[in-house]
Amino acid sequence: MALTHGAAPLHLALVFGIDEKTAIRYADSARALLDQAAEQPLR
């Protein structure tokens, strides 16, 4: 979900009913994955 919806912590917290700090960690992880994927060359 975080990867497809822009990794907004508030959205994650509201939709999944998780703590704000947990949502921030998930969003940070999703952003890191997106950044890592963007750096990979196309095959």
N, C-alpha and C. Protein backbone atom coordinates (compact mmCIF):
# COMPACT_ATOMS: atom_id res chain seq x y z
N MET A 1 0.83 -1.20 0.00
CA MET A 1 0.00 0.00 0.00
C MET A 1 0.87 1.25 0.00
N ALA A 2 1.89 1.26 0.83
CA ALA A 2 2.74 2.45 0.91
C ALA A 2 3.44 2.72 -0.41
N LEU A 3 3.76 1.68 -1.13
CA LEU A 3 4.44 1.87 -2.40
C LEU A 3 3.51 2.42 -3.47
N THR A 4 2.25 2.07 -3.43
CA THR A 4 1.33 2.50 -4.48
C THR A 4 0.65 3.83 -4.20
N HIS A 5 0.63 4.25 -2.95
CA HIS A 5 -0.07 5.49 -2.60
C HIS A 5 0.85 6.60 -2.12
N GLY A 6 2.13 6.52 -2.43
CA GLY A 6 3.02 7.61 -2.10
C GLY A 6 3.60 7.59 -0.71
N ALA A 7 3.36 6.57 0.04
CA ALA A 7 3.98 6.40 1.35
C ALA A 7 3.71 7.56 2.30
N ALA A 8 2.46 7.96 2.42
CA ALA A 8 2.08 9.03 3.34
C ALA A 8 1.79 8.43 4.72
N PRO A 9 2.60 8.78 5.73
CA PRO A 9 2.43 8.18 7.06
C PRO A 9 1.03 8.39 7.66
N LEU A 10 0.47 9.56 7.50
CA LEU A 10 -0.86 9.82 8.05
C LEU A 10 -1.89 8.90 7.41
N HIS A 11 -1.81 8.73 6.12
CA HIS A 11 -2.73 7.84 5.41
C HIS A 11 -2.59 6.41 5.94
N LEU A 12 -1.35 5.94 6.08
CA LEU A 12 -1.12 4.58 6.58
C LEU A 12 -1.69 4.42 8.00
N ALA A 13 -1.45 5.40 8.84
CA ALA A 13 -1.93 5.32 10.22
C ALA A 13 -3.45 5.26 10.27
N LEU A 14 -4.11 6.07 9.46
CA LEU A 14 -5.57 6.11 9.47
C LEU A 14 -6.19 4.85 8.87
N VAL A 15 -5.65 4.42 7.74
CA VAL A 15 -6.24 3.26 7.05
C VAL A 15 -6.02 1.97 7.83
N PHE A 16 -4.82 1.80 8.37
CA PHE A 16 -4.50 0.54 9.03
C PHE A 16 -4.60 0.59 10.54
N GLY A 17 -4.89 1.76 11.09
CA GLY A 17 -5.05 1.88 12.53
C GLY A 17 -3.76 1.60 13.29
N ILE A 18 -2.64 2.02 12.71
CA ILE A 18 -1.36 1.78 13.37
C ILE A 18 -0.85 3.07 14.00
N ASP A 19 0.09 2.92 14.91
CA ASP A 19 0.71 4.05 15.58
C ASP A 19 1.43 4.95 14.57
N GLU A 20 1.47 6.22 14.86
CA GLU A 20 2.11 7.18 13.95
C GLU A 20 3.58 6.85 13.73
N LYS A 21 4.27 6.46 14.79
CA LYS A 21 5.70 6.13 14.64
C LYS A 21 5.90 4.91 13.75
N THR A 22 5.02 3.94 13.86
CA THR A 22 5.09 2.77 13.00
C THR A 22 4.82 3.16 11.56
N ALA A 23 3.84 4.01 11.35
CA ALA A 23 3.51 4.47 10.00
C ALA A 23 4.69 5.22 9.38
N ILE A 24 5.37 6.01 10.17
CA ILE A 24 6.53 6.74 9.67
C ILE A 24 7.63 5.76 9.25
N ARG A 25 7.86 4.72 10.06
CA ARG A 25 8.87 3.71 9.71
C ARG A 25 8.51 3.01 8.41
N TYR A 26 7.25 2.62 8.26
CA TYR A 26 6.80 1.98 7.03
C TYR A 26 6.98 2.91 5.83
N ALA A 27 6.60 4.16 6.00
CA ALA A 27 6.72 5.12 4.90
C ALA A 27 8.19 5.34 4.53
N ASP A 28 9.05 5.43 5.52
CA ASP A 28 10.49 5.59 5.24
C ASP A 28 11.02 4.39 4.47
N SER A 29 10.60 3.20 4.86
CA SER A 29 11.03 1.98 4.17
C SER A 29 10.53 1.96 2.73
N ALA A 30 9.29 2.36 2.53
CA ALA A 30 8.72 2.39 1.17
C ALA A 30 9.47 3.38 0.31
N ARG A 31 9.77 4.55 0.86
CA ARG A 31 10.52 5.55 0.09
C ARG A 31 11.91 5.03 -0.28
N ALA A 32 12.55 4.35 0.65
CA ALA A 32 13.88 3.79 0.38
C ALA A 32 13.81 2.76 -0.74
N LEU A 33 12.78 1.91 -0.73
CA LEU A 33 12.61 0.93 -1.79
C LEU A 33 12.36 1.60 -3.14
N LEU A 34 11.55 2.64 -3.14
CA LEU A 34 11.28 3.37 -4.38
C LEU A 34 12.55 4.04 -4.90
N ASP A 35 13.33 4.64 -4.01
CA ASP A 35 14.58 5.27 -4.42
C ASP A 35 15.56 4.25 -4.97
N GLN A 36 15.64 3.11 -4.32
CA GLN A 36 16.54 2.04 -4.76
C GLN A 36 16.11 1.53 -6.13
N ALA A 37 14.82 1.36 -6.35
CA ALA A 37 14.33 0.88 -7.64
C ALA A 37 14.59 1.90 -8.74
N ALA A 38 14.50 3.17 -8.41
CA ALA A 38 14.73 4.22 -9.39
C ALA A 38 16.18 4.28 -9.84
N GLU A 39 17.09 3.82 -8.99
CA GLU A 39 18.50 3.85 -9.32
C GLU A 39 18.94 2.65 -10.16
N GLN A 40 18.08 1.63 -10.27
CA GLN A 40 18.43 0.42 -11.01
C GLN A 40 18.24 0.68 -12.51
N PRO A 41 19.19 0.22 -13.32
CA PRO A 41 19.02 0.38 -14.78
C PRO A 41 17.90 -0.53 -15.30
N LEU A 42 17.24 -0.06 -16.35
CA LEU A 42 16.20 -0.88 -16.96
C LEU A 42 16.83 -2.04 -17.70
N ARG A 43 16.17 -3.17 -17.66
CA ARG A 43 16.71 -4.35 -18.35
C ARG A 43 15.96 -4.62 -19.62
